[in-house]
All heavy atoms as atom14 arrays in JSON, in Angstrom:
{
  "sequence": "TTVYVTHDQVEAMTMGDRVAVMQNGVLQQVD",
  "atom14_mask": [
    [1, 1, 1, 1, 1, 1, 1, 0, 0, 0, 0, 0, 0, 0],
    [1, 1, 1, 1, 1, 1, 1, 0, 0, 0, 0, 0, 0, 0],
    [1, 1, 1, 1, 1, 1, 1, 0, 0, 0, 0, 0, 0, 0],
    [1, 1, 1, 1, 1, 1, 1, 1, 1, 1, 1, 1, 0, 0],
    [1, 1, 1, 1, 1, 1, 1, 0, 0, 0, 0, 0, 0, 0],
    [1, 1, 1, 1, 1, 1, 1, 0, 0, 0, 0, 0, 0, 0],
    [1, 1, 1, 1, 1, 1, 1, 1, 1, 1, 0, 0, 0, 0],
    [1, 1, 1, 1, 1, 1, 1, 1, 0, 0, 0, 0, 0, 0],
    [1, 1, 1, 1, 1, 1, 1, 1, 1, 0, 0, 0, 0, 0],
    [1, 1, 1, 1, 1, 1, 1, 0, 0, 0, 0, 0, 0, 0],
    [1, 1, 1, 1, 1, 1, 1, 1, 1, 0, 0, 0, 0, 0],
    [1, 1, 1, 1, 1, 0, 0, 0, 0, 0, 0, 0, 0, 0],
    [1, 1, 1, 1, 1, 1, 1, 1, 0, 0, 0, 0, 0, 0],
    [1, 1, 1, 1, 1, 1, 1, 0, 0, 0, 0, 0, 0, 0],
    [1, 1, 1, 1, 1, 1, 1, 1, 0, 0, 0, 0, 0, 0],
    [1, 1, 1, 1, 0, 0, 0, 0, 0, 0, 0, 0, 0, 0],
    [1, 1, 1, 1, 1, 1, 1, 1, 0, 0, 0, 0, 0, 0],
    [1, 1, 1, 1, 1, 1, 1, 1, 1, 1, 1, 0, 0, 0],
    [1, 1, 1, 1, 1, 1, 1, 0, 0, 0, 0, 0, 0, 0],
    [1, 1, 1, 1, 1, 0, 0, 0, 0, 0, 0, 0, 0, 0],
    [1, 1, 1, 1, 1, 1, 1, 0, 0, 0, 0, 0, 0, 0],
    [1, 1, 1, 1, 1, 1, 1, 1, 0, 0, 0, 0, 0, 0],
    [1, 1, 1, 1, 1, 1, 1, 1, 1, 0, 0, 0, 0, 0],
    [1, 1, 1, 1, 1, 1, 1, 1, 0, 0, 0, 0, 0, 0],
    [1, 1, 1, 1, 0, 0, 0, 0, 0, 0, 0, 0, 0, 0],
    [1, 1, 1, 1, 1, 1, 1, 0, 0, 0, 0, 0, 0, 0],
    [1, 1, 1, 1, 1, 1, 1, 1, 0, 0, 0, 0, 0, 0],
    [1, 1, 1, 1, 1, 1, 1, 1, 1, 0, 0, 0, 0, 0],
    [1, 1, 1, 1, 1, 1, 1, 1, 1, 0, 0, 0, 0, 0],
    [1, 1, 1, 1, 1, 1, 1, 0, 0, 0, 0, 0, 0, 0],
    [1, 1, 1, 1, 1, 1, 1, 1, 0, 0, 0, 0, 0, 0]
  ],
  "atom14_positions": [
    [[51.35, -13.93, -8.97], [50.19, -13.96, -9.87], [50.67, -14.09, -11.31], [51.53, -13.32, -11.76], [49.36, -12.67, -9.71], [49.05, -12.49, -8.33], [48.08, -12.75, -10.52], [0.0, 0.0, 0.0], [0.0, 0.0, 0.0], [0.0, 0.0, 0.0], [0.0, 0.0, 0.0], [0.0, 0.0, 0.0], [0.0, 0.0, 0.0], [0.0, 0.0, 0.0]],
    [[50.13, -15.05, -12.03], [50.6, -15.34, -13.39], [49.42, -15.46, -14.35], [48.44, -16.15, -14.06], [51.42, -16.65, -13.41], [52.54, -16.52, -12.54], [51.9, -16.96, -14.82], [0.0, 0.0, 0.0], [0.0, 0.0, 0.0], [0.0, 0.0, 0.0], [0.0, 0.0, 0.0], [0.0, 0.0, 0.0], [0.0, 0.0, 0.0], [0.0, 0.0, 0.0]],
    [[49.54, -14.76, -15.48], [48.56, -14.88, -16.56], [49.3, -15.48, -17.75], [50.29, -14.92, -18.22], [47.94, -13.53, -16.93], [46.85, -13.73, -17.99], [47.36, -12.85, -15.69], [0.0, 0.0, 0.0], [0.0, 0.0, 0.0], [0.0, 0.0, 0.0], [0.0, 0.0, 0.0], [0.0, 0.0, 0.0], [0.0, 0.0, 0.0], [0.0, 0.0, 0.0]],
    [[48.81, -16.61, -18.22], [49.51, -17.43, -19.21], [48.59, -17.63, -20.42], [47.44, -18.03, -20.25], [49.87, -18.76, -18.57], [50.71, -19.72, -19.36], [52.06, -19.9, -19.04], [50.18, -20.48, -20.39], [52.84, -20.81, -19.75], [50.96, -21.38, -21.1], [52.29, -21.55, -20.77], [53.07, -22.45, -21.46], [0.0, 0.0, 0.0], [0.0, 0.0, 0.0]],
    [[49.1, -17.37, -21.6], [48.32, -17.52, -22.83], [48.8, -18.72, -23.62], [50.01, -18.92, -23.8], [48.42, -16.25, -23.7], [47.97, -16.53, -25.13], [47.58, -15.13, -23.11], [0.0, 0.0, 0.0], [0.0, 0.0, 0.0], [0.0, 0.0, 0.0], [0.0, 0.0, 0.0], [0.0, 0.0, 0.0], [0.0, 0.0, 0.0], [0.0, 0.0, 0.0]],
    [[47.87, -19.54, -24.07], [48.19, -20.66, -24.94], [47.0, -21.0, -25.82], [45.86, -20.7, -25.47], [48.6, -21.91, -24.12], [48.92, -22.99, -25.01], [47.47, -22.36, -23.21], [0.0, 0.0, 0.0], [0.0, 0.0, 0.0], [0.0, 0.0, 0.0], [0.0, 0.0, 0.0], [0.0, 0.0, 0.0], [0.0, 0.0, 0.0], [0.0, 0.0, 0.0]],
    [[47.28, -21.61, -26.97], [46.19, -22.13, -27.82], [46.0, -23.62, -27.58], [45.06, -24.23, -28.09], [46.52, -21.91, -29.3], [47.71, -22.72, -29.77], [49.01, -22.3, -29.56], [47.8, -23.93, -30.38], [49.83, -23.2, -30.05], [49.13, -24.2, -30.54], [0.0, 0.0, 0.0], [0.0, 0.0, 0.0], [0.0, 0.0, 0.0], [0.0, 0.0, 0.0]],
    [[46.9, -24.22, -26.78], [46.9, -25.66, -26.52], [46.06, -25.94, -25.28], [46.48, -25.67, -24.15], [48.34, -26.12, -26.32], [48.47, -27.63, -26.15], [47.46, -28.27, -25.75], [49.56, -28.17, -26.4], [0.0, 0.0, 0.0], [0.0, 0.0, 0.0], [0.0, 0.0, 0.0], [0.0, 0.0, 0.0], [0.0, 0.0, 0.0], [0.0, 0.0, 0.0]],
    [[44.89, -26.53, -25.46], [44.01, -26.73, -24.32], [44.54, -27.79, -23.37], [44.24, -27.75, -22.17], [42.58, -27.05, -24.79], [42.44, -28.21, -25.74], [42.09, -29.5, -25.03], [41.78, -29.51, -23.87], [42.17, -30.6, -25.76], [0.0, 0.0, 0.0], [0.0, 0.0, 0.0], [0.0, 0.0, 0.0], [0.0, 0.0, 0.0], [0.0, 0.0, 0.0]],
    [[45.35, -28.73, -23.84], [45.97, -29.69, -22.91], [46.95, -28.96, -21.99], [46.99, -29.21, -20.78], [46.68, -30.81, -23.7], [47.43, -31.73, -22.74], [45.68, -31.62, -24.52], [0.0, 0.0, 0.0], [0.0, 0.0, 0.0], [0.0, 0.0, 0.0], [0.0, 0.0, 0.0], [0.0, 0.0, 0.0], [0.0, 0.0, 0.0], [0.0, 0.0, 0.0]],
    [[47.72, -28.06, -22.56], [48.64, -27.24, -21.77], [47.87, -26.42, -20.74], [48.25, -26.31, -19.57], [49.41, -26.31, -22.73], [50.65, -25.67, -22.17], [51.41, -24.95, -23.26], [52.01, -25.64, -24.12], [51.41, -23.71, -23.28], [0.0, 0.0, 0.0], [0.0, 0.0, 0.0], [0.0, 0.0, 0.0], [0.0, 0.0, 0.0], [0.0, 0.0, 0.0]],
    [[46.76, -25.85, -21.17], [45.94, -25.03, -20.27], [45.41, -25.86, -19.11], [45.46, -25.45, -17.95], [44.79, -24.4, -21.04], [0.0, 0.0, 0.0], [0.0, 0.0, 0.0], [0.0, 0.0, 0.0], [0.0, 0.0, 0.0], [0.0, 0.0, 0.0], [0.0, 0.0, 0.0], [0.0, 0.0, 0.0], [0.0, 0.0, 0.0], [0.0, 0.0, 0.0]],
    [[44.92, -27.05, -19.41], [44.28, -27.88, -18.39], [45.29, -28.44, -17.38], [44.95, -28.7, -16.23], [43.54, -29.04, -19.06], [42.41, -28.61, -19.98], [40.96, -28.04, -19.1], [40.2, -29.62, -18.69], [0.0, 0.0, 0.0], [0.0, 0.0, 0.0], [0.0, 0.0, 0.0], [0.0, 0.0, 0.0], [0.0, 0.0, 0.0], [0.0, 0.0, 0.0]],
    [[46.53, -28.63, -17.8], [47.52, -29.22, -16.91], [48.27, -28.18, -16.09], [48.93, -28.53, -15.11], [48.55, -30.05, -17.7], [49.12, -29.23, -18.74], [47.89, -31.26, -18.34], [0.0, 0.0, 0.0], [0.0, 0.0, 0.0], [0.0, 0.0, 0.0], [0.0, 0.0, 0.0], [0.0, 0.0, 0.0], [0.0, 0.0, 0.0], [0.0, 0.0, 0.0]],
    [[48.17, -26.89, -16.46], [48.96, -25.86, -15.78], [48.14, -24.92, -14.89], [48.6, -24.5, -13.83], [49.73, -25.02, -16.8], [50.77, -25.78, -17.58], [51.68, -24.76, -18.75], [52.74, -23.83, -17.63], [0.0, 0.0, 0.0], [0.0, 0.0, 0.0], [0.0, 0.0, 0.0], [0.0, 0.0, 0.0], [0.0, 0.0, 0.0], [0.0, 0.0, 0.0]],
    [[46.94, -24.56, -15.31], [46.22, -23.49, -14.66], [45.49, -23.88, -13.39], [44.93, -24.98, -13.3], [0.0, 0.0, 0.0], [0.0, 0.0, 0.0], [0.0, 0.0, 0.0], [0.0, 0.0, 0.0], [0.0, 0.0, 0.0], [0.0, 0.0, 0.0], [0.0, 0.0, 0.0], [0.0, 0.0, 0.0], [0.0, 0.0, 0.0], [0.0, 0.0, 0.0]],
    [[45.51, -22.97, -12.39], [44.59, -23.1, -11.26], [43.16, -22.93, -11.77], [42.25, -23.64, -11.38], [44.87, -22.03, -10.2], [46.26, -22.17, -9.59], [46.71, -23.32, -9.42], [46.88, -21.14, -9.29], [0.0, 0.0, 0.0], [0.0, 0.0, 0.0], [0.0, 0.0, 0.0], [0.0, 0.0, 0.0], [0.0, 0.0, 0.0], [0.0, 0.0, 0.0]],
    [[43.0, -21.93, -12.65], [41.75, -21.76, -13.39], [42.09, -21.49, -14.85], [43.18, -21.03, -15.18], [40.92, -20.59, -12.83], [40.27, -20.85, -11.49], [39.27, -19.74, -11.15], [39.93, -18.43, -11.14], [39.29, -17.27, -11.34], [37.99, -17.26, -11.56], [39.95, -16.13, -11.3], [0.0, 0.0, 0.0], [0.0, 0.0, 0.0], [0.0, 0.0, 0.0]],
    [[41.12, -21.76, -15.71], [41.3, -21.57, -17.15], [40.16, -20.71, -17.66], [38.99, -20.96, -17.34], [41.31, -22.92, -17.9], [41.45, -22.71, -19.4], [42.45, -23.8, -17.37], [0.0, 0.0, 0.0], [0.0, 0.0, 0.0], [0.0, 0.0, 0.0], [0.0, 0.0, 0.0], [0.0, 0.0, 0.0], [0.0, 0.0, 0.0], [0.0, 0.0, 0.0]],
    [[40.51, -19.68, -18.45], [39.51, -18.81, -19.06], [39.47, -19.1, -20.55], [40.48, -18.96, -21.24], [39.86, -17.34, -18.81], [0.0, 0.0, 0.0], [0.0, 0.0, 0.0], [0.0, 0.0, 0.0], [0.0, 0.0, 0.0], [0.0, 0.0, 0.0], [0.0, 0.0, 0.0], [0.0, 0.0, 0.0], [0.0, 0.0, 0.0], [0.0, 0.0, 0.0]],
    [[38.31, -19.52, -21.04], [38.14, -19.88, -22.45], [37.53, -18.7, -23.19], [36.49, -18.16, -22.78], [37.24, -21.12, -22.6], [37.14, -21.53, -24.06], [37.78, -22.27, -21.76], [0.0, 0.0, 0.0], [0.0, 0.0, 0.0], [0.0, 0.0, 0.0], [0.0, 0.0, 0.0], [0.0, 0.0, 0.0], [0.0, 0.0, 0.0], [0.0, 0.0, 0.0]],
    [[38.16, -18.29, -24.31], [37.69, -17.15, -25.09], [37.34, -17.58, -26.51], [37.92, -18.52, -27.05], [38.74, -16.04, -25.12], [39.06, -15.45, -23.76], [40.16, -14.02, -23.84], [39.05, -12.8, -24.61], [0.0, 0.0, 0.0], [0.0, 0.0, 0.0], [0.0, 0.0, 0.0], [0.0, 0.0, 0.0], [0.0, 0.0, 0.0], [0.0, 0.0, 0.0]],
    [[36.4, -16.88, -27.09], [36.02, -17.07, -28.49], [35.57, -15.73, -29.05], [34.73, -15.05, -28.44], [34.9, -18.1, -28.65], [34.51, -18.33, -30.12], [33.19, -19.08, -30.25], [32.32, -18.95, -29.39], [33.03, -19.82, -31.32], [0.0, 0.0, 0.0], [0.0, 0.0, 0.0], [0.0, 0.0, 0.0], [0.0, 0.0, 0.0], [0.0, 0.0, 0.0]],
    [[36.13, -15.33, -30.17], [35.74, -14.09, -30.86], [35.76, -12.88, -29.92], [34.86, -12.04, -29.96], [34.35, -14.24, -31.49], [34.32, -15.3, -32.57], [35.33, -15.56, -33.23], [33.18, -15.93, -32.76], [0.0, 0.0, 0.0], [0.0, 0.0, 0.0], [0.0, 0.0, 0.0], [0.0, 0.0, 0.0], [0.0, 0.0, 0.0], [0.0, 0.0, 0.0]],
    [[36.78, -12.83, -29.06], [36.93, -11.69, -28.18], [36.05, -11.7, -26.95], [36.08, -10.74, -26.16], [0.0, 0.0, 0.0], [0.0, 0.0, 0.0], [0.0, 0.0, 0.0], [0.0, 0.0, 0.0], [0.0, 0.0, 0.0], [0.0, 0.0, 0.0], [0.0, 0.0, 0.0], [0.0, 0.0, 0.0], [0.0, 0.0, 0.0], [0.0, 0.0, 0.0]],
    [[35.27, -12.74, -26.75], [34.32, -12.81, -25.63], [34.71, -13.96, -24.7], [34.98, -15.08, -25.15], [32.88, -13.02, -26.13], [31.91, -13.15, -24.96], [32.46, -11.86, -27.03], [0.0, 0.0, 0.0], [0.0, 0.0, 0.0], [0.0, 0.0, 0.0], [0.0, 0.0, 0.0], [0.0, 0.0, 0.0], [0.0, 0.0, 0.0], [0.0, 0.0, 0.0]],
    [[34.74, -13.67, -23.4], [35.0, -14.71, -22.4], [33.79, -15.64, -22.33], [32.68, -15.22, -22.05], [35.25, -14.06, -21.04], [35.52, -15.01, -19.88], [36.8, -15.8, -20.09], [35.57, -14.24, -18.56], [0.0, 0.0, 0.0], [0.0, 0.0, 0.0], [0.0, 0.0, 0.0], [0.0, 0.0, 0.0], [0.0, 0.0, 0.0], [0.0, 0.0, 0.0]],
    [[34.03, -16.94, -22.57], [32.95, -17.92, -22.56], [32.75, -18.54, -21.17], [31.63, -18.69, -20.7], [33.26, -19.03, -23.57], [33.45, -18.56, -24.99], [32.19, -17.98, -25.58], [31.12, -18.61, -25.53], [32.28, -16.79, -26.16], [0.0, 0.0, 0.0], [0.0, 0.0, 0.0], [0.0, 0.0, 0.0], [0.0, 0.0, 0.0], [0.0, 0.0, 0.0]],
    [[33.85, -18.89, -20.52], [33.76, -19.53, -19.21], [35.12, -19.45, -18.55], [36.16, -19.58, -19.21], [33.33, -21.0, -19.34], [33.11, -21.72, -18.01], [32.57, -23.14, -18.18], [32.32, -23.57, -19.3], [32.39, -23.86, -17.09], [0.0, 0.0, 0.0], [0.0, 0.0, 0.0], [0.0, 0.0, 0.0], [0.0, 0.0, 0.0], [0.0, 0.0, 0.0]],
    [[35.13, -19.23, -17.26], [36.37, -19.3, -16.47], [36.09, -20.17, -15.25], [35.14, -19.93, -14.51], [36.88, -17.9, -16.08], [35.84, -17.1, -15.32], [38.16, -18.0, -15.26], [0.0, 0.0, 0.0], [0.0, 0.0, 0.0], [0.0, 0.0, 0.0], [0.0, 0.0, 0.0], [0.0, 0.0, 0.0], [0.0, 0.0, 0.0], [0.0, 0.0, 0.0]],
    [[36.91, -21.22, -15.1], [36.66, -22.17, -14.02], [37.89, -23.05, -13.85], [38.87, -22.91, -14.6], [35.43, -23.02, -14.35], [34.57, -23.3, -13.12], [35.15, -23.5, -12.03], [33.34, -23.3, -13.24], [0.0, 0.0, 0.0], [0.0, 0.0, 0.0], [0.0, 0.0, 0.0], [0.0, 0.0, 0.0], [0.0, 0.0, 0.0], [0.0, 0.0, 0.0]]
  ]
}
């Protein structure tokens, strides 16, 4: 199990089984 943090959305989209998008401390969407 791996939790990976990045600010690069291209990196996120190419690596994650799922991606959790956050803004101002609030989870916006995970999919």
